[in-house]
Protein backbone atom coordinates (compact mmCIF):
# COMPACT_ATOMS: atom_id res chain seq x y z
CA MET A 1 8.43 36.94 -4.96
CA SER A 2 11.29 34.42 -5.10
CA ASP A 3 13.59 34.13 -8.08
CA ASP A 4 12.29 30.61 -8.66
CA ALA A 5 8.84 31.98 -9.40
CA ASP A 6 10.30 33.71 -12.47
CA ASP A 7 12.70 30.93 -13.42
CA PRO A 8 10.99 27.63 -14.27
CA HIS A 9 14.38 25.89 -14.61
CA ALA A 10 15.27 26.83 -11.01
CA ALA A 11 11.79 25.87 -9.82
CA TRP A 12 12.18 22.47 -11.43
CA ARG A 13 15.59 21.95 -9.83
CA GLU A 14 14.11 22.78 -6.42
CA TRP A 15 11.26 20.32 -7.05
CA HIS A 16 13.73 17.60 -8.05
CA GLU A 17 15.85 18.20 -4.95
CA ARG A 18 12.80 17.94 -2.71
CA ARG A 19 11.79 14.70 -4.41
CA ALA A 20 15.30 13.29 -4.01
CA ALA A 21 15.27 14.08 -0.31
CA ALA A 22 11.84 12.48 0.18
CA VAL A 23 12.82 9.34 -1.73
CA SER A 24 16.00 8.79 0.27
CA ALA A 25 14.53 9.70 3.66
CA PRO A 26 14.81 7.10 6.43
CA TYR A 27 11.16 6.06 5.98
CA GLY A 28 10.75 6.92 2.33
CA PRO A 29 9.72 4.41 -0.34
CA LEU A 30 13.18 2.78 -0.45
CA ALA A 31 12.66 1.66 3.18
CA LEU A 32 9.65 -0.55 2.46
CA THR A 33 10.67 -4.19 3.01
CA GLY A 34 7.30 -5.95 3.01
CA THR A 35 3.56 -5.70 2.44
CA PHE A 36 1.60 -8.48 4.17
CA TRP A 37 -2.14 -9.16 3.89
CA LEU A 38 -3.70 -10.45 7.09
CA ALA A 39 -5.93 -12.82 5.09
CA ASP A 40 -2.75 -14.58 3.92
CA CYS A 41 -1.62 -15.11 7.53
CA PRO A 42 -4.40 -17.19 9.14
CA GLU A 43 -2.19 -18.14 12.10
CA GLY A 44 -1.77 -14.47 12.90
CA ARG A 45 1.99 -14.43 12.54
CA ILE A 46 3.63 -12.19 9.92
CA PRO A 47 7.30 -12.58 8.92
CA ALA A 48 9.49 -9.87 10.45
CA VAL A 49 6.49 -8.27 12.19
CA PRO A 50 6.07 -8.56 15.95
CA GLY A 51 2.80 -9.57 17.60
CA HIS A 52 -0.23 -11.60 16.71
CA TRP A 53 -2.56 -10.14 14.08
CA ARG A 54 -6.09 -10.70 12.86
CA ALA A 55 -8.45 -8.84 10.57
CA THR A 56 -11.82 -7.64 11.83
CA GLU A 57 -14.60 -5.63 10.26
CA ALA A 58 -13.49 -2.55 12.22
CA GLY A 59 -9.72 -2.77 11.84
CA ALA A 60 -6.52 -4.76 12.29
CA ALA A 61 -6.36 -6.32 15.74
CA LEU A 62 -2.91 -6.69 17.31
CA THR A 63 -1.95 -8.61 20.44
CA ALA A 64 1.55 -7.86 21.71
CA THR A 65 3.63 -9.33 24.50
CA PRO A 66 6.66 -7.75 26.24
CA GLU A 67 8.91 -9.94 24.06
CA ASP A 68 7.52 -8.20 20.94
CA SER A 69 9.07 -4.87 22.05
CA CYS A 70 6.29 -2.85 20.42
CA ARG A 71 5.69 0.83 20.90
CA LEU A 72 2.31 2.41 20.26
CA ASP A 73 2.12 6.18 19.87
CA GLY A 74 5.71 6.30 21.12
CA GLU A 75 5.07 4.37 24.35
CA PRO A 76 5.85 0.70 25.21
CA PHE A 77 2.79 -1.41 24.47
CA THR A 78 1.52 -4.84 25.53
CA GLY A 79 -1.99 -6.24 25.32
CA GLU A 80 -4.59 -5.84 22.62
CA VAL A 81 -5.45 -2.90 20.36
CA LEU A 82 -7.60 -2.35 17.27
CA LEU A 83 -5.76 -0.31 14.65
CA ASP A 84 -7.24 1.68 11.81
CA ALA A 85 -5.32 2.41 8.59
CA ASP A 86 -2.42 4.83 8.98
CA GLU A 87 -3.08 7.90 6.79
CA GLY A 88 0.12 9.91 7.28
CA SER A 89 3.82 9.44 6.65
CA PRO A 90 5.33 6.07 7.60
CA ALA A 91 7.75 7.98 9.81
CA HIS A 92 4.75 8.87 12.01
CA ALA A 93 3.09 5.45 12.05
CA ARG A 94 1.43 4.64 15.36
CA LEU A 95 3.25 1.30 15.74
CA SER A 96 7.00 0.71 15.88
CA ALA A 97 9.50 -1.93 16.95
CA GLY A 98 13.02 -0.62 17.33
CA GLU A 99 13.83 1.28 14.14
CA LEU A 100 11.03 -0.44 12.21
CA ARG A 101 7.79 1.40 11.44
CA ILE A 102 4.75 -0.84 10.99
CA VAL A 103 2.02 0.75 8.91
CA VAL A 104 -1.55 -0.58 8.79
CA ILE A 105 -3.18 -0.33 5.35
CA ARG A 106 -6.55 -1.19 3.86
CA ARG A 107 -7.30 -1.85 0.18
CA GLU A 108 -10.79 -2.72 -1.07
CA GLY A 109 -11.77 -3.92 2.40
CA GLU A 110 -8.66 -6.04 2.91
CA TRP A 111 -6.39 -5.30 5.86
CA GLY A 112 -2.61 -5.52 5.72
CA VAL A 113 0.59 -4.17 7.28
CA ARG A 114 3.72 -2.72 5.77
CA VAL A 115 7.17 -2.75 7.28
CA TYR A 116 9.57 0.17 6.78
CA ASP A 117 13.23 -0.36 7.71
CA PRO A 118 15.68 2.57 7.34
CA ASP A 119 18.46 0.00 6.98
CA SER A 120 16.85 -1.67 3.99
CA GLU A 121 19.09 -3.02 1.21
CA ALA A 122 17.35 -0.79 -1.35
CA ARG A 123 18.01 2.34 0.67
CA ARG A 124 21.66 1.46 1.25
CA ALA A 125 22.20 0.74 -2.47
CA HIS A 126 20.35 3.81 -3.74
CA THR A 127 22.44 6.19 -5.87
CA GLY A 128 19.72 8.57 -7.05
CA VAL A 129 16.99 9.09 -9.60
CA GLU A 130 17.77 9.79 -13.25
CA ALA A 131 15.72 12.82 -14.28
CA THR A 132 15.76 14.84 -17.49
CA PRO A 133 16.44 18.59 -16.99
CA TYR A 134 13.55 21.00 -17.46
CA ASP A 135 12.32 21.38 -21.04
CA PRO A 136 9.70 24.06 -21.73
CA ALA A 137 8.39 22.00 -24.68
CA PHE A 138 6.79 19.65 -22.16
CA VAL A 139 4.79 22.42 -20.40
CA LEU A 140 1.37 22.24 -22.04
CA PRO A 141 -2.00 24.01 -21.66
CA GLY A 142 -4.56 21.51 -20.50
CA ARG A 143 -8.18 21.30 -19.50
CA PHE A 144 -10.03 18.95 -17.23
CA ARG A 145 -13.27 17.36 -18.40
CA PRO A 146 -15.04 15.77 -15.42
CA TYR A 147 -17.24 12.74 -15.92
CA ALA A 148 -20.92 13.10 -15.13
CA GLU A 149 -20.30 10.51 -12.45
CA ASP A 150 -17.17 8.80 -11.17
CA ARG A 151 -16.05 5.59 -12.82
CA SER A 152 -14.07 2.64 -11.54
CA VAL A 153 -12.05 0.38 -13.84
CA GLN A 154 -10.23 -2.80 -12.97
CA VAL A 155 -6.51 -2.55 -13.68
CA ALA A 156 -3.58 -4.81 -12.98
CA ASN A 157 -1.42 -3.83 -10.02
CA ALA A 158 2.30 -4.29 -9.51
CA ASP A 159 1.71 -7.29 -7.24
CA GLY A 160 -0.11 -9.17 -10.03
CA ARG A 161 -3.62 -8.59 -8.71
CA ALA A 162 -6.36 -6.51 -10.32
CA ARG A 163 -8.02 -3.77 -8.28
CA GLY A 164 -10.43 -0.94 -8.94
CA LEU A 165 -9.03 2.43 -10.00
CA ASP A 166 -11.43 5.33 -9.45
CA LEU A 167 -11.48 7.89 -12.25
CA GLY A 168 -13.17 11.28 -12.18
CA GLY A 169 -12.57 12.69 -15.63
CA GLU A 170 -10.15 13.35 -18.46
CA LEU A 171 -7.14 15.59 -18.80
CA VAL A 172 -6.90 16.93 -22.37
CA PHE A 173 -3.81 18.66 -23.79
CA PRO A 174 -2.01 19.24 -27.11
CA PHE A 175 1.39 17.99 -28.09
CA ARG A 176 3.06 18.50 -31.43
CA GLY A 177 -0.13 19.31 -33.26
CA ALA A 178 -2.30 16.53 -31.86
CA GLU A 179 -4.72 16.36 -28.89
CA HIS A 180 -4.08 13.77 -26.22
CA THR A 181 -6.16 12.55 -23.30
CA LEU A 182 -5.37 10.93 -19.94
CA GLN A 183 -7.97 9.55 -17.58
CA VAL A 184 -7.40 10.99 -14.12
CA ALA A 185 -8.41 10.40 -10.55
CA VAL A 186 -9.67 13.35 -8.47
CA ASP A 187 -8.70 13.74 -4.84
CA PRO A 188 -12.00 14.05 -2.91
CA ASP A 189 -10.37 16.34 -0.32
CA ASP A 190 -8.90 19.11 -2.49
CA GLY A 191 -9.88 18.34 -6.10
CA SER A 192 -6.29 17.77 -7.27
CA LEU A 193 -5.77 15.47 -10.24
CA TRP A 194 -3.63 12.34 -10.54
CA ALA A 195 -2.83 10.16 -13.52
CA VAL A 196 -0.93 6.92 -14.03
CA PHE A 197 0.36 6.82 -17.58
CA GLY A 198 2.69 5.10 -19.99
CA ASP A 199 4.53 6.51 -23.00
CA ALA A 200 6.84 5.49 -25.79
CA THR A 201 9.92 5.58 -23.51
CA GLY A 202 8.44 3.09 -20.99
CA GLY A 203 10.61 0.04 -20.45
CA HIS A 204 13.35 1.52 -22.58
CA SER A 205 14.80 4.86 -21.41
CA SER A 206 12.22 5.27 -18.62
CA TYR A 207 10.50 3.08 -16.07
CA ARG A 208 7.57 1.15 -17.55
CA PHE A 209 5.01 3.74 -16.36
CA ARG A 210 4.88 6.92 -14.33
CA PHE A 211 2.60 9.17 -12.31
CA LEU A 212 1.57 12.76 -12.97
CA LYS A 213 0.08 15.12 -10.36
CA PRO A 214 -0.71 18.37 -12.19
CA GLY A 215 -2.56 20.03 -9.33
CA ILE A 216 -6.05 21.60 -9.17
CA PRO A 217 -7.85 22.91 -12.28
CA ASP A 218 -9.44 26.34 -12.15
CA ALA A 219 -13.16 26.95 -12.21
CA ARG A 220 -13.24 26.58 -16.00
CA GLY A 221 -11.19 23.38 -15.96
CA ALA A 222 -7.95 24.99 -17.18
CA ILE A 223 -4.75 23.44 -15.83
CA THR A 224 -1.09 23.36 -16.79
CA VAL A 225 0.18 19.89 -17.76
CA ASP A 226 3.88 19.95 -16.90
CA LEU A 227 5.36 16.62 -17.98
CA ASN A 228 8.71 17.77 -16.57
CA ARG A 229 7.24 16.72 -13.21
CA SER A 230 6.43 13.16 -14.20
CA LEU A 231 7.10 10.93 -11.20
CA LEU A 232 8.38 7.43 -10.72
CA PRO A 233 5.72 5.34 -8.99
CA PRO A 234 6.50 3.95 -5.53
CA CYS A 235 6.95 0.43 -6.98
CA ALA A 236 10.00 1.71 -8.86
CA PHE A 237 11.73 2.00 -5.48
CA ALA A 238 10.47 -1.14 -3.72
CA ASP A 239 8.81 -4.30 -5.07
CA HIS A 240 6.41 -4.37 -2.14
CA PHE A 241 4.24 -1.48 -3.34
CA ILE A 242 1.04 -2.35 -5.23
CA CYS A 243 0.90 0.52 -7.72
CA PRO A 244 -1.82 0.40 -10.34
CA PHE A 245 -0.76 0.08 -13.97
CA PRO A 246 -2.12 2.62 -16.52
CA PRO A 247 -5.78 2.09 -17.35
CA PRO A 248 -6.72 1.38 -20.99
CA GLY A 249 -6.08 4.48 -23.09
CA ASN A 250 -3.49 6.01 -20.75
CA THR A 251 -0.41 5.15 -22.82
CA LEU A 252 0.69 8.24 -24.73
CA PRO A 253 1.91 7.56 -28.31
CA PHE A 254 4.90 9.86 -28.02
CA GLU A 255 8.10 9.92 -25.97
CA VAL A 256 7.82 11.79 -22.68
CA ALA A 257 11.55 12.46 -22.49
CA ALA A 258 11.06 14.53 -19.35
CA GLY A 259 10.78 14.30 -15.61
CA GLU A 260 11.88 11.34 -13.48
CA ARG A 261 12.97 8.49 -15.77
CA ARG A 262 14.34 5.60 -13.72
CA LEU A 263 16.65 4.74 -10.81
CA LYS A 264 20.30 5.46 -11.51
CA ALA A 265 21.15 1.96 -10.35
CA ALA A 266 19.05 0.63 -13.27
CA LEU A 267 21.46 2.11 -15.81
CA ALA A 268 23.85 -0.81 -15.55
CA THR A 269 21.27 -3.60 -15.64
CA GLY A 270 18.44 -2.21 -17.73
CA ILE A 271 14.80 -1.72 -16.83
């Protein structure tokens, strides 16, 4: 067993270092320079994206000429292709043009593309993430209460549009003598939980909202709620992400002075 398994402070530092590396990676969230919806581009041309695009029922259709300098699955590509949504890391997107990675996405039946540029201004200006060191007071015993059936609520997204947020239950935990509840989504593949939440630090000493991914509850619903691993949402790193805001009831009434708080660059200009 590693030393980190017995030292939660060291385990947290390792987690924070992994996060820092992922954030600043060439095709991490800081590299996103645009999200474009095909419905908004009826002529089929997207700024800074090569080729001619159109949405179909089955996928995003791309027509590329030699002048577009596209590569598909690592090989030079011309002609027509129907692309499904990319599910993996942007670094492994099927479509590229030079150093750019072009990622096909789908949200509520709408097709779009994202552009990742390792030379983005945000990535060049990045100086790190402010995070509060591990505090055992924010490690709490929780339990998961699944809903009888999944629910979907409309919530505002970072791009100003409202979209459905699927919720599978509630995460219940104590803090300073009171019981608190967060509505959570459940990953259909592995059963892991995910919450988008606000707290009393939001917009002041922390970003306006954050994510929490506590893992998979046991067979009885027990799960550790470690607020030290609160995460900045992708939209904290690039304006082109469409993160959901917290659903009604997911703003905690106390200060979560733990986990990732905000970008270090934000310290000089405010939130």
